[in-house]
């Protein structure tokens, strides 16, 4: 220890003899170290230079008097070692800019290093190392360089994307000068006369999507620079040779003072798309016209066939009435049963023919309303009482309730009768023996509500909407008790809606069904005949009822 201390004191005394070096060490803002050239022992250094070293050599007490190759991390094979070898061999000053030093504790840092030889009696005695920490400058420069490289790559990528876009891109400046940004833009600008403001082309016309002509200076390209914003605005360009369609989008870009700096315009050629749309619309129109002709032919056919069926059915039913009137006493019971079978099936066919005719009229919007002012309460009660002759054959209890004794409304009573009879027919068809069917009429504000409730088999939830479709039927185990065409409720819905009402249904399988018809509570006084129904038998209702109930078979 005494030997090391004595040697250190000798080096300090030796160094202090060089007054300039001593002053440089104490006053320099850079890292300064003095190394003896003969054995590369560190004689002295300021703290700035020592800060580069790893512990414990960043402390003077552990570094002064030791060779620098022992106290500098990563010396062996480094550029720093080569720098020192060059300085010692050439005895000349050398520089190492931005030396990358890897410290165990501080990590990567960058230094500008200079080695300056000091001679005594023409002999190299010392080397002064000067270091400047340039880590921040190098890191920032590398970051900027990396950002510039990334920006350059992004610019090249952007240019590639723009150049290969199917849309034409333009930049429009406040003086209406226009720059085309890609090849597609150079192609499209031909159709707009190069977008030279106040220079409309002679043989080109412009139109919007509604077919209205657009003046050249009013094109969106010139409007956008004045602050307008367009999104997919269609412009049709008609030249002498052809017609083209373009979709134009764009918006202005503002500077810090909110003044328009320039505008970005995107123009897409949609000619093929528009032509395809026109072609599809043409096909759809032709298809619709064809379907309308087919439907018209079908309706005419149904009307013709229905009338042709109706004539012989009328003759058959007339013949049956004549046989019963003139030969009733001479007919055997078996013959009477046959005649009843003929009558019932003739009524079924008559009902089917009448429904087909009504469907045809409804499809052609030819249903006419013959309104009369009637007491809907008495009419509903009369119809309900009339169907009891069918209900008793299944031991069903049919009842009627109302919250008012009388209500005069303007309605087509014939269609109302068919609506109620159809719902009652369905209720009786699908309600088991011994159950109940109830007709309820309630009058509330602006509406008359007609509800028909039964305790029948019900309707599955997924079949609720089906029953109102043309030929829609619910397939269940009881359907064989009654044959139907599946058009009754379709007609009911048509009649109800034609009279301005609505029909809904609530049902739960095996717990019954409720049909609810809501009709407007109107009472017209002009050109409407007022009719009051008596409680007695009404032949017209009986005839309608026999037709409506003709597809019900009761077990004997």
Protein backbone atom coordinates (compact mmCIF):
# COMPACT_ATOMS: atom_id res chain seq x y z
CA UNK A 1 0.00 0.00 0.00
CA UNK A 2 2.86 2.39 0.79
CA UNK A 3 4.49 1.50 -2.50
CA UNK A 4 1.27 2.30 -4.47
CA UNK A 5 0.82 5.55 -2.54
CA UNK A 6 4.38 6.64 -3.13
CA UNK A 7 4.09 5.83 -6.83
CA UNK A 8 0.85 7.83 -7.04
CA UNK A 9 2.41 10.83 -5.36
CA UNK A 10 5.37 10.69 -7.75
CA UNK A 11 2.92 10.69 -10.75
CA UNK A 12 1.00 13.64 -9.36
CA UNK A 13 4.14 15.60 -8.72
CA UNK A 14 5.28 14.70 -12.23
CA UNK A 15 1.97 15.86 -13.68
CA UNK A 16 1.83 19.08 -11.70
CA UNK A 17 5.03 20.13 -13.32
CA UNK A 18 3.00 20.50 -16.52
CA UNK A 19 1.04 23.55 -15.47
CA UNK A 20 -1.08 23.76 -18.66
CA UNK A 21 -2.32 20.23 -18.23
CA UNK A 22 -3.22 20.86 -14.64
CA UNK A 23 -5.30 23.91 -15.57
CA UNK A 24 -6.96 21.99 -18.44
CA UNK A 25 -8.01 19.23 -16.05
CA UNK A 26 -9.60 21.59 -13.57
CA UNK A 27 -11.40 23.91 -16.00
CA UNK A 28 -12.46 21.77 -18.96
CA UNK A 29 -16.11 21.03 -19.62
CA UNK A 30 -15.07 17.89 -21.47
CA UNK A 31 -13.73 14.63 -20.13
CA UNK A 32 -9.94 14.88 -19.74
CA UNK A 33 -7.49 12.12 -18.84
CA UNK A 34 -3.68 12.12 -18.76
CA UNK A 35 -2.00 8.79 -19.53
CA UNK A 36 1.71 8.00 -19.38
CA UNK A 37 2.74 6.76 -22.78
CA UNK A 38 5.33 4.25 -21.63
CA UNK A 39 2.97 1.97 -19.69
CA UNK A 40 -0.49 3.56 -20.38
CA UNK A 41 -1.03 4.23 -16.69
CA UNK A 42 -3.71 6.80 -15.87
CA UNK A 43 -2.03 9.68 -14.11
CA UNK A 44 -5.05 11.93 -13.62
CA UNK A 45 -8.57 12.57 -14.95
CA UNK A 46 -11.49 14.83 -14.19
CA UNK A 47 -14.85 13.44 -13.08
CA UNK A 48 -16.45 14.03 -16.49
CA UNK A 49 -14.01 11.56 -18.02
CA UNK A 50 -14.41 9.10 -15.13
CA UNK A 51 -18.20 9.04 -15.51
CA UNK A 52 -17.73 6.93 -18.62
CA UNK A 53 -16.21 4.09 -16.59
CA UNK A 54 -18.03 1.30 -14.80
CA UNK A 55 -17.79 1.07 -11.02
CA UNK A 56 -15.59 1.09 -9.09
CA UNK A 57 -13.28 2.80 -11.61
CA UNK A 58 -15.55 5.81 -11.93
CA UNK A 59 -14.02 6.76 -8.57
CA UNK A 60 -10.50 8.30 -8.74
CA UNK A 61 -9.31 6.29 -5.77
CA UNK A 62 -9.72 3.09 -7.78
CA UNK A 63 -8.60 4.27 -11.24
CA UNK A 64 -5.60 6.64 -10.87
CA UNK A 65 -2.31 4.72 -11.15
CA UNK A 66 -3.81 1.80 -13.13
CA UNK A 67 -3.33 1.02 -16.84
CA UNK A 68 -6.35 2.19 -18.79
CA UNK A 69 -6.75 -1.20 -20.48
CA UNK A 70 -7.67 -2.55 -17.02
CA UNK A 71 -10.24 0.08 -16.11
CA UNK A 72 -12.11 0.55 -19.43
CA UNK A 73 -14.85 -2.03 -20.14
CA UNK A 74 -14.60 -3.81 -23.47
CA UNK A 75 -11.04 -2.68 -24.21
CA UNK A 76 -9.80 -5.89 -25.82
CA UNK A 77 -10.28 -5.85 -29.61
CA UNK A 78 -12.25 -2.60 -29.56
CA UNK A 79 -11.86 0.37 -31.88
CA UNK A 80 -10.72 2.28 -28.83
CA UNK A 81 -7.72 -0.07 -28.41
CA UNK A 82 -6.86 0.32 -32.08
CA UNK A 83 -7.03 4.12 -31.71
CA UNK A 84 -4.53 4.01 -28.87
CA UNK A 85 -2.20 1.71 -30.80
CA UNK A 86 -2.20 4.14 -33.71
CA UNK A 87 -1.45 7.11 -31.43
CA UNK A 88 1.45 5.31 -29.73
CA UNK A 89 2.92 4.05 -33.00
CA UNK A 90 2.59 7.27 -35.01
CA UNK A 91 3.12 9.63 -32.07
CA UNK A 92 0.51 11.84 -33.67
CA UNK A 93 -2.90 13.06 -32.61
CA UNK A 94 -5.88 10.91 -33.66
CA UNK A 95 -9.69 11.21 -33.46
CA UNK A 96 -12.48 8.66 -33.09
CA UNK A 97 -15.89 10.26 -33.70
CA UNK A 98 -19.03 8.76 -32.17
CA UNK A 99 -17.29 5.84 -30.52
CA UNK A 100 -19.94 3.35 -29.39
CA UNK A 101 -19.20 2.40 -25.81
CA UNK A 102 -21.15 -0.40 -24.12
CA UNK A 103 -21.16 0.08 -20.38
CA UNK A 104 -22.38 -2.67 -18.06
CA UNK A 105 -24.48 -0.26 -16.03
CA UNK A 106 -25.27 2.63 -18.35
CA UNK A 107 -25.67 0.63 -21.53
CA UNK A 108 -24.88 2.09 -24.96
CA UNK A 109 -23.37 5.56 -25.18
CA UNK A 110 -21.56 7.50 -27.91
CA UNK A 111 -18.36 9.57 -27.49
CA UNK A 112 -16.15 11.79 -29.60
CA UNK A 113 -12.59 10.85 -28.53
CA UNK A 114 -9.33 12.68 -29.28
CA UNK A 115 -5.81 11.54 -28.31
CA UNK A 116 -3.17 14.28 -28.16
CA UNK A 117 0.54 13.34 -27.64
CA UNK A 118 2.71 15.41 -25.20
CA UNK A 119 6.51 15.42 -25.73
CA UNK A 120 9.33 16.21 -23.34
CA UNK A 121 12.86 16.62 -24.70
CA UNK A 122 11.52 15.41 -28.09
CA UNK A 123 10.32 12.21 -26.52
CA UNK A 124 6.67 11.07 -26.24
CA UNK A 125 5.88 11.22 -22.56
CA UNK A 126 2.09 11.58 -22.15
CA UNK A 127 -1.13 11.25 -24.08
CA UNK A 128 -4.07 13.42 -23.21
CA UNK A 129 -7.46 11.89 -23.98
CA UNK A 130 -10.35 14.26 -24.52
CA UNK A 131 -13.93 12.81 -24.58
CA UNK A 132 -17.24 14.45 -25.40
CA UNK A 133 -20.55 12.66 -24.74
CA UNK A 134 -22.58 12.87 -27.98
CA UNK A 135 -25.11 10.15 -27.11
CA UNK A 136 -28.15 12.42 -27.22
CA UNK A 137 -27.16 13.92 -30.56
CA UNK A 138 -26.49 10.51 -32.11
CA UNK A 139 -29.70 8.99 -30.75
CA UNK A 140 -31.77 11.93 -31.97
CA UNK A 141 -30.08 11.85 -35.34
CA UNK A 142 -30.68 8.11 -35.63
CA UNK A 143 -34.29 8.62 -34.62
CA UNK A 144 -34.75 11.35 -37.20
CA UNK A 145 -32.99 9.20 -39.76
CA UNK A 146 -35.24 6.27 -38.90
CA UNK A 147 -38.32 8.49 -39.07
CA UNK A 148 -37.20 9.89 -42.40
CA UNK A 149 -36.61 6.38 -43.71
CA UNK A 150 -40.02 5.28 -42.47
CA UNK A 151 -41.64 8.39 -43.94
CA UNK A 152 -39.87 7.72 -47.21
CA UNK A 153 -41.16 4.14 -47.23
CA UNK A 154 -44.68 5.34 -46.43
CA UNK A 155 -44.49 7.92 -49.22
CA UNK A 156 -43.37 5.29 -51.68
CA UNK A 157 -46.15 2.98 -50.48
CA UNK A 158 -48.68 5.79 -50.75
CA UNK A 159 -47.50 6.65 -54.25
CA UNK A 160 -47.80 3.01 -55.25
CA UNK A 161 -51.33 2.76 -53.80
CA UNK A 162 -52.43 6.02 -55.44
CA UNK A 163 -51.00 5.07 -58.80
CA UNK A 164 -52.74 1.69 -58.77
CA UNK A 165 -56.10 2.96 -57.55
CA UNK A 166 -59.11 2.53 -59.79
CA UNK A 167 -60.32 5.95 -58.62
CA UNK A 168 -58.91 9.11 -60.19
CA UNK A 169 -57.41 11.47 -57.61
CA UNK A 170 -57.06 15.22 -58.08
CA UNK A 171 -55.86 18.17 -56.05
CA UNK A 172 -57.71 21.43 -56.78
CA UNK A 173 -56.23 24.75 -55.68
CA UNK A 174 -58.13 27.99 -54.94
CA UNK A 175 -57.22 29.40 -58.37
CA UNK A 176 -59.01 26.36 -59.93
CA UNK A 177 -55.73 24.87 -61.10
CA UNK A 178 -55.83 21.09 -60.90
CA UNK A 179 -53.12 18.47 -60.40
CA UNK A 180 -53.75 14.87 -61.45
CA UNK A 181 -52.24 12.44 -58.92
CA UNK A 182 -52.43 9.15 -60.81
CA UNK A 183 -52.77 7.65 -64.27
CA UNK A 184 -56.53 7.18 -63.94
CA UNK A 185 -56.86 10.91 -63.28
CA UNK A 186 -55.12 11.71 -66.58
CA UNK A 187 -57.63 9.45 -68.37
CA UNK A 188 -60.77 10.81 -66.72
CA UNK A 189 -59.95 14.51 -67.02
CA UNK A 190 -60.52 14.21 -70.79
CA UNK A 191 -64.27 13.89 -70.14
CA UNK A 192 -64.19 17.19 -68.22
CA UNK A 193 -62.10 19.21 -70.70
CA UNK A 194 -59.09 19.01 -68.40
CA UNK A 195 -61.09 20.82 -65.68
CA UNK A 196 -60.22 24.18 -67.15
CA UNK A 197 -62.49 26.61 -65.36
CA UNK A 198 -64.65 28.86 -67.60
CA UNK A 199 -63.76 26.63 -70.58
CA UNK A 200 -66.75 24.35 -71.14
CA UNK A 201 -66.38 21.72 -73.88
CA UNK A 202 -68.47 22.12 -77.03
CA UNK A 203 -69.73 18.59 -77.59
CA UNK A 204 -70.04 17.26 -74.01
CA UNK A 205 -73.06 17.56 -71.71
CA UNK A 206 -73.31 16.80 -68.00
CA UNK A 207 -76.35 15.53 -66.05
CA UNK A 208 -77.12 14.54 -62.47
CA UNK A 209 -78.75 11.26 -61.41
CA UNK A 210 -82.22 12.77 -61.96
CA UNK A 211 -81.40 13.72 -65.55
CA UNK A 212 -81.06 17.45 -64.86
CA UNK A 213 -78.33 19.16 -66.85
CA UNK A 214 -75.34 20.52 -64.92
CA UNK A 215 -73.53 23.57 -66.27
CA UNK A 216 -69.78 23.09 -66.62
CA UNK A 217 -68.78 25.67 -63.99
CA UNK A 218 -71.30 24.11 -61.57
CA UNK A 219 -69.60 20.70 -61.59
CA UNK A 220 -68.76 19.40 -58.09
CA UNK A 221 -65.02 19.72 -58.79
CA UNK A 222 -65.34 23.51 -58.90
CA UNK A 223 -67.87 23.66 -56.06
CA UNK A 224 -65.69 21.76 -53.59
CA UNK A 225 -62.92 24.35 -53.66
CA UNK A 226 -65.53 26.87 -52.46
CA UNK A 227 -66.34 24.81 -49.37
CA UNK A 228 -68.96 22.31 -50.59
CA UNK A 229 -68.64 18.64 -49.65
CA UNK A 230 -69.75 15.86 -52.00
CA UNK A 231 -70.05 12.15 -51.37
CA UNK A 232 -70.71 9.77 -54.26
CA UNK A 233 -72.39 12.45 -56.38
CA UNK A 234 -73.25 10.89 -59.74
CA UNK A 235 -72.49 12.80 -62.91
CA UNK A 236 -73.45 11.46 -66.33
CA UNK A 237 -71.20 12.63 -69.16
CA UNK A 238 -72.70 12.47 -72.65
CA UNK A 239 -70.25 12.81 -75.53
CA UNK A 240 -70.84 12.45 -79.25
CA UNK A 241 -69.55 8.88 -79.11
CA UNK A 242 -70.77 7.46 -75.82
CA UNK A 243 -72.24 7.98 -72.36
CA UNK A 244 -70.21 7.61 -69.18
CA UNK A 245 -71.16 7.72 -65.51
CA UNK A 246 -68.90 8.97 -62.71
CA UNK A 247 -69.18 9.10 -58.92
CA UNK A 248 -67.55 12.23 -57.49
CA UNK A 249 -66.50 12.67 -53.84
CA UNK A 250 -64.39 15.38 -52.28
CA UNK A 251 -63.90 17.96 -49.58
CA UNK A 252 -61.77 21.06 -48.98
CA UNK A 253 -58.64 21.09 -46.79
CA UNK A 254 -58.20 24.16 -44.57
CA UNK A 255 -55.07 25.88 -43.25
CA UNK A 256 -54.54 27.19 -39.71
CA UNK A 257 -56.52 30.33 -40.51
CA UNK A 258 -59.50 28.26 -41.73
CA UNK A 259 -58.89 29.31 -45.32
CA UNK A 260 -59.19 26.72 -48.09
CA UNK A 261 -55.70 25.45 -48.80
CA UNK A 262 -56.70 22.97 -51.50
CA UNK A 263 -59.33 20.29 -52.19
CA UNK A 264 -59.02 16.55 -52.62
CA UNK A 265 -61.27 15.09 -55.34
CA UNK A 266 -61.93 11.39 -56.00
CA UNK A 267 -63.71 10.38 -59.22
CA UNK A 268 -64.75 6.80 -59.91
CA UNK A 269 -65.88 5.47 -63.27
CA UNK A 270 -69.15 3.63 -62.53
CA UNK A 271 -70.30 3.25 -66.14
CA UNK A 272 -70.33 -0.57 -66.04
CA UNK A 273 -72.12 -0.60 -62.71
CA UNK A 274 -74.82 1.81 -63.90
CA UNK A 275 -75.27 -0.06 -67.16
CA UNK A 276 -75.60 -3.33 -65.24
CA UNK A 277 -78.15 -1.72 -62.92
CA UNK A 278 -80.10 -0.48 -65.94
CA UNK A 279 -79.98 -3.96 -67.43
CA UNK A 280 -81.15 -5.58 -64.18
CA UNK A 281 -83.95 -3.03 -63.82
CA UNK A 282 -84.98 -3.69 -67.40
CA UNK A 283 -85.07 -7.44 -66.73
CA UNK A 284 -87.01 -6.91 -63.52
CA UNK A 285 -89.48 -4.65 -65.33
CA UNK A 286 -89.94 -7.20 -68.11
CA UNK A 287 -90.31 -9.97 -65.53
CA UNK A 288 -92.87 -7.93 -63.59
CA UNK A 289 -94.83 -7.16 -66.76
CA UNK A 290 -94.73 -10.83 -67.71
CA UNK A 291 -95.93 -11.89 -64.25
CA UNK A 292 -98.69 -9.29 -64.38
CA UNK A 293 -99.82 -10.67 -67.74
CA UNK A 294 -99.71 -14.23 -66.39
CA UNK A 295 -101.68 -13.19 -63.29
CA UNK A 296 -104.18 -11.36 -65.45
CA UNK A 297 -104.58 -14.42 -67.68
CA UNK A 298 -104.93 -16.62 -64.59
CA UNK A 299 -107.51 -14.30 -63.01
CA UNK A 300 -109.46 -14.13 -66.25
CA UNK A 301 -109.33 -17.92 -66.44
CA UNK A 302 -110.52 -18.28 -62.83
CA UNK A 303 -113.29 -15.79 -63.42
CA UNK A 304 -114.40 -17.59 -66.56
CA UNK A 305 -114.24 -21.05 -64.96
CA UNK A 306 -115.99 -19.81 -61.81
CA UNK A 307 -118.85 -18.36 -63.83
CA UNK A 308 -119.04 -21.56 -65.88
CA UNK A 309 -119.24 -23.60 -62.66
CA UNK A 310 -121.77 -21.28 -61.13
CA UNK A 311 -124.35 -21.74 -63.86
CA UNK A 312 -124.71 -25.56 -63.57
CA UNK A 313 -124.56 -25.34 -59.77
CA UNK A 314 -127.50 -22.95 -59.82
CA UNK A 315 -129.38 -25.36 -62.07
CA UNK A 316 -128.59 -28.31 -59.76
CA UNK A 317 -129.75 -26.46 -56.62
CA UNK A 318 -132.89 -25.28 -58.43
CA UNK A 319 -133.61 -28.87 -59.49
CA UNK A 320 -133.20 -30.07 -55.91
CA UNK A 321 -135.65 -27.44 -54.65
CA UNK A 322 -138.13 -28.46 -57.36
CA UNK A 323 -137.83 -32.16 -56.47
CA UNK A 324 -138.44 -31.42 -52.79
CA UNK A 325 -141.35 -29.14 -53.61
CA UNK A 326 -143.15 -31.28 -56.17
CA UNK A 327 -141.99 -34.82 -55.32
CA UNK A 328 -141.17 -34.58 -51.64
CA UNK A 329 -143.91 -36.94 -50.54
CA UNK A 330 -142.96 -39.57 -53.11
CA UNK A 331 -139.23 -39.71 -52.18
CA UNK A 332 -137.93 -42.47 -49.95
CA UNK A 333 -135.75 -41.73 -46.96
CA UNK A 334 -132.73 -43.04 -48.87
CA UNK A 335 -133.47 -40.73 -51.80
CA UNK A 336 -133.83 -37.78 -49.42
CA UNK A 337 -130.42 -38.58 -47.91
CA UNK A 338 -128.92 -38.60 -51.40
CA UNK A 339 -130.62 -35.29 -52.20
CA UNK A 340 -129.23 -33.76 -48.97
CA UNK A 341 -125.75 -34.97 -49.95
CA UNK A 342 -126.16 -33.42 -53.40
CA UNK A 343 -127.39 -30.15 -51.84
CA UNK A 344 -124.51 -29.94 -49.33
CA UNK A 345 -121.81 -30.61 -51.92
CA UNK A 346 -123.47 -28.22 -54.37
CA UNK A 347 -123.36 -25.54 -51.67
CA UNK A 348 -119.69 -26.38 -51.04
CA UNK A 349 -118.91 -25.93 -54.70
CA UNK A 350 -120.97 -22.75 -54.79
CA UNK A 351 -119.01 -21.44 -51.78
CA UNK A 352 -115.69 -22.28 -53.44
CA UNK A 353 -116.71 -20.61 -56.70
CA UNK A 354 -117.90 -17.48 -54.88
CA UNK A 355 -114.65 -17.28 -52.88
CA UNK A 356 -112.54 -17.66 -56.01
CA UNK A 357 -114.47 -14.86 -57.67
CA UNK A 358 -113.98 -12.64 -54.60
CA UNK A 359 -110.23 -13.40 -54.54
CA UNK A 360 -109.96 -12.48 -58.19
CA UNK A 361 -111.81 -9.21 -57.56
CA UNK A 362 -109.66 -8.49 -54.50
CA UNK A 363 -106.41 -9.11 -56.39
CA UNK A 364 -107.59 -6.74 -59.10
CA UNK A 365 -108.69 -4.22 -56.41
CA UNK A 366 -112.27 -4.46 -57.64
CA UNK A 367 -114.00 -5.18 -54.34
CA UNK A 368 -116.80 -2.66 -53.90
CA UNK A 369 -118.28 -1.65 -50.58
CA UNK A 370 -122.06 -1.25 -50.39
CA UNK A 371 -122.41 0.62 -47.13
CA UNK A 372 -125.59 0.83 -45.15
CA UNK A 373 -126.23 2.21 -41.69
CA UNK A 374 -127.19 -0.80 -39.56
CA UNK A 375 -127.58 -1.77 -35.95
CA UNK A 376 -124.49 -3.95 -35.68
CA UNK A 377 -125.58 -5.28 -32.29
CA UNK A 378 -128.85 -6.77 -33.55
CA UNK A 379 -127.20 -8.08 -36.73
CA UNK A 380 -124.44 -9.81 -34.76
CA UNK A 381 -126.98 -11.30 -32.34
CA UNK A 382 -129.15 -12.52 -35.24
CA UNK A 383 -126.22 -14.25 -36.96
CA UNK A 384 -125.09 -15.86 -33.70
CA UNK A 385 -128.58 -17.17 -32.96
CA UNK A 386 -128.89 -18.51 -36.51
CA UNK A 387 -125.79 -20.74 -36.32
CA UNK A 388 -127.12 -22.54 -33.26
CA UNK A 389 -128.93 -25.01 -35.53
CA UNK A 390 -125.48 -26.24 -36.53
CA UNK A 391 -123.94 -25.91 -33.06
CA UNK A 392 -126.52 -28.15 -31.40
CA UNK A 393 -125.49 -31.01 -33.71
CA UNK A 394 -122.11 -30.99 -31.90
CA UNK A 395 -123.62 -30.18 -28.51
CA UNK A 396 -121.88 -26.79 -28.50
CA UNK A 397 -123.04 -23.82 -26.48
CA UNK A 398 -122.96 -20.64 -28.63
CA UNK A 399 -123.55 -17.36 -26.77
CA UNK A 400 -123.54 -13.65 -27.54
CA UNK A 401 -122.68 -10.70 -25.25
CA UNK A 402 -122.38 -6.97 -25.88
CA UNK A 403 -121.59 -3.93 -23.78
CA UNK A 404 -124.22 -1.85 -25.64
CA UNK A 405 -127.83 -2.58 -26.61
CA UNK A 406 -127.68 -0.78 -29.95
CA UNK A 407 -125.01 0.74 -32.19
CA UNK A 408 -125.74 2.22 -35.60
CA UNK A 409 -122.67 2.22 -37.85
CA UNK A 410 -122.06 2.52 -41.59
CA UNK A 411 -120.81 -0.78 -42.92
CA UNK A 412 -121.11 -3.25 -45.78
CA UNK A 413 -123.42 -5.63 -43.91
CA UNK A 414 -123.12 -8.45 -46.49
CA UNK A 415 -119.33 -8.60 -46.03
CA UNK A 416 -119.72 -8.28 -42.26
CA UNK A 417 -122.08 -11.26 -42.31
CA UNK A 418 -119.56 -13.32 -44.29
CA UNK A 419 -116.76 -12.31 -41.88
CA UNK A 420 -118.70 -13.38 -38.80
CA UNK A 421 -120.10 -16.56 -40.38
CA UNK A 422 -116.62 -17.66 -41.48
CA UNK A 423 -115.20 -17.18 -37.98
CA UNK A 424 -118.14 -19.01 -36.44
CA UNK A 425 -117.78 -21.79 -39.01
CA UNK A 426 -114.12 -22.27 -38.03
CA UNK A 427 -115.01 -22.19 -34.33
CA UNK A 428 -117.67 -24.89 -34.74
CA UNK A 429 -115.43 -27.00 -37.01
CA UNK A 430 -112.55 -27.24 -34.58
CA UNK A 431 -114.23 -27.14 -31.17
CA UNK A 432 -114.87 -30.55 -29.55
CA UNK A 433 -118.34 -31.58 -28.44
CA UNK A 434 -119.66 -30.11 -25.24
CA UNK A 435 -117.47 -26.99 -25.36
CA UNK A 436 -118.35 -23.30 -25.67
CA UNK A 437 -118.18 -20.68 -28.41
CA UNK A 438 -118.72 -17.04 -27.47
CA UNK A 439 -119.29 -13.97 -29.65
CA UNK A 440 -118.53 -10.69 -27.91
CA UNK A 441 -119.24 -7.22 -29.32
CA UNK A 442 -117.76 -4.21 -27.54
CA UNK A 443 -117.85 -0.56 -28.52
CA UNK A 444 -114.99 1.65 -27.45
CA UNK A 445 -113.68 5.01 -28.61
CA UNK A 446 -113.64 5.12 -32.44
CA UNK A 447 -113.81 1.30 -32.79
CA UNK A 448 -116.26 -1.60 -32.71
CA UNK A 449 -114.57 -4.83 -31.59
CA UNK A 450 -115.90 -8.23 -32.62
CA UNK A 451 -114.35 -11.20 -30.79
CA UNK A 452 -115.11 -14.88 -31.48
CA UNK A 453 -113.73 -17.20 -28.77
CA UNK A 454 -113.77 -20.97 -28.82
CA UNK A 455 -112.44 -23.81 -26.66
CA UNK A 456 -111.13 -25.77 -29.61
CA UNK A 457 -107.87 -27.42 -30.63
CA UNK A 458 -106.06 -24.09 -31.06
CA UNK A 459 -103.42 -23.04 -33.57
CA UNK A 460 -99.66 -23.65 -33.20
CA UNK A 461 -97.60 -20.47 -32.83
CA UNK A 462 -95.70 -21.05 -36.07
CA UNK A 463 -98.99 -21.37 -37.99
CA UNK A 464 -100.64 -18.14 -36.79
CA UNK A 465 -99.59 -16.17 -39.85
CA UNK A 466 -100.22 -19.06 -42.25
CA UNK A 467 -103.97 -19.11 -41.67
CA UNK A 468 -104.40 -15.67 -43.27
CA UNK A 469 -102.51 -16.65 -46.41
CA UNK A 470 -104.24 -17.73 -49.59
CA UNK A 471 -104.83 -21.52 -49.41
CA UNK A 472 -103.18 -21.57 -45.97
CA UNK A 473 -104.32 -24.43 -43.72
CA UNK A 474 -103.29 -25.84 -40.37
CA UNK A 475 -102.64 -29.56 -40.49
CA UNK A 476 -103.93 -31.26 -37.34
CA UNK A 477 -105.75 -34.37 -36.28
CA UNK A 478 -109.20 -32.76 -36.36
CA UNK A 479 -108.96 -31.34 -39.85
CA UNK A 480 -110.66 -34.36 -41.33
CA UNK A 481 -113.92 -33.35 -39.65
CA UNK A 482 -114.22 -30.50 -42.14
CA UNK A 483 -112.90 -29.95 -45.62
CA UNK A 484 -111.83 -26.45 -46.64
CA UNK A 485 -109.96 -24.72 -49.43
CA UNK A 486 -107.88 -22.57 -47.10
CA UNK A 487 -109.12 -19.29 -48.57
CA UNK A 488 -111.85 -18.36 -46.07
CA UNK A 489 -109.66 -16.42 -43.63
CA UNK A 490 -107.75 -14.91 -46.52
CA UNK A 491 -111.03 -13.41 -47.72
CA UNK A 492 -111.99 -12.39 -44.19
CA UNK A 493 -108.75 -10.45 -43.81
CA UNK A 494 -109.27 -8.89 -47.26
CA UNK A 495 -112.83 -7.76 -46.38
CA UNK A 496 -111.80 -6.42 -42.95
CA UNK A 497 -108.93 -4.38 -44.33
CA UNK A 498 -111.06 -3.13 -47.20
CA UNK A 499 -113.47 -1.74 -44.58
CA UNK A 500 -110.56 -0.02 -42.78
CA UNK A 501 -110.25 -2.53 -39.96
CA UNK A 502 -107.78 -5.09 -38.62
CA UNK A 503 -107.97 -8.74 -37.64
CA UNK A 504 -105.73 -10.52 -35.14
CA UNK A 505 -105.70 -13.94 -33.53
CA UNK A 506 -104.56 -15.30 -30.19
CA UNK A 507 -104.33 -19.04 -29.70
CA UNK A 508 -102.79 -21.76 -27.59
CA UNK A 509 -102.85 -25.38 -28.73
CA UNK A 510 -105.67 -27.34 -27.05
CA UNK A 511 -106.78 -24.25 -25.10
CA UNK A 512 -108.84 -22.44 -27.70
CA UNK A 513 -108.56 -19.55 -30.14
CA UNK A 514 -109.77 -15.94 -30.17
CA UNK A 515 -110.24 -13.95 -33.38
CA UNK A 516 -110.54 -10.19 -32.88
CA UNK A 517 -111.86 -7.85 -35.61
CA UNK A 518 -111.59 -4.08 -35.05
CA UNK A 519 -113.74 -1.92 -37.34
CA UNK A 520 -113.96 1.88 -37.41
CA UNK A 521 -117.00 3.22 -35.56
CA UNK A 522 -118.34 5.43 -38.37
CA UNK A 523 -121.83 6.72 -39.01
CA UNK A 524 -122.33 8.31 -42.43
CA UNK A 525 -125.49 10.27 -43.08
CA UNK A 526 -125.30 10.96 -46.83
CA UNK A 527 -126.24 8.44 -49.52
CA UNK A 528 -126.35 5.60 -46.98
CA UNK A 529 -129.48 3.58 -46.38
CA UNK A 530 -130.42 2.89 -42.75
CA UNK A 531 -131.53 -0.67 -41.99
CA UNK A 532 -132.70 -2.27 -38.73
CA UNK A 533 -132.66 -6.04 -38.29
CA UNK A 534 -135.48 -7.85 -36.57
CA UNK A 535 -134.94 -10.72 -34.22
CA UNK A 536 -136.86 -13.03 -36.55
CA UNK A 537 -135.48 -15.27 -39.20
CA UNK A 538 -133.66 -13.56 -42.05
CA UNK A 539 -133.66 -15.59 -45.26
CA UNK A 540 -130.50 -13.97 -46.66
CA UNK A 541 -128.52 -14.79 -43.52
CA UNK A 542 -129.83 -18.35 -43.56
CA UNK A 543 -128.74 -18.78 -47.18
CA UNK A 544 -125.29 -17.37 -46.47
CA UNK A 545 -125.01 -19.57 -43.39
CA UNK A 546 -125.93 -22.72 -45.32
CA UNK A 547 -123.26 -21.92 -47.89
CA UNK A 548 -120.59 -21.05 -45.27
CA UNK A 549 -121.30 -24.19 -43.20
CA UNK A 550 -121.58 -26.53 -46.18
CA UNK A 551 -118.07 -28.01 -45.65
CA UNK A 552 -118.86 -29.25 -42.12
CA UNK A 553 -119.71 -32.93 -41.74
CA UNK A 554 -121.53 -33.88 -38.55
CA UNK A 555 -121.42 -37.47 -37.37
CA UNK A 556 -124.82 -39.09 -37.20
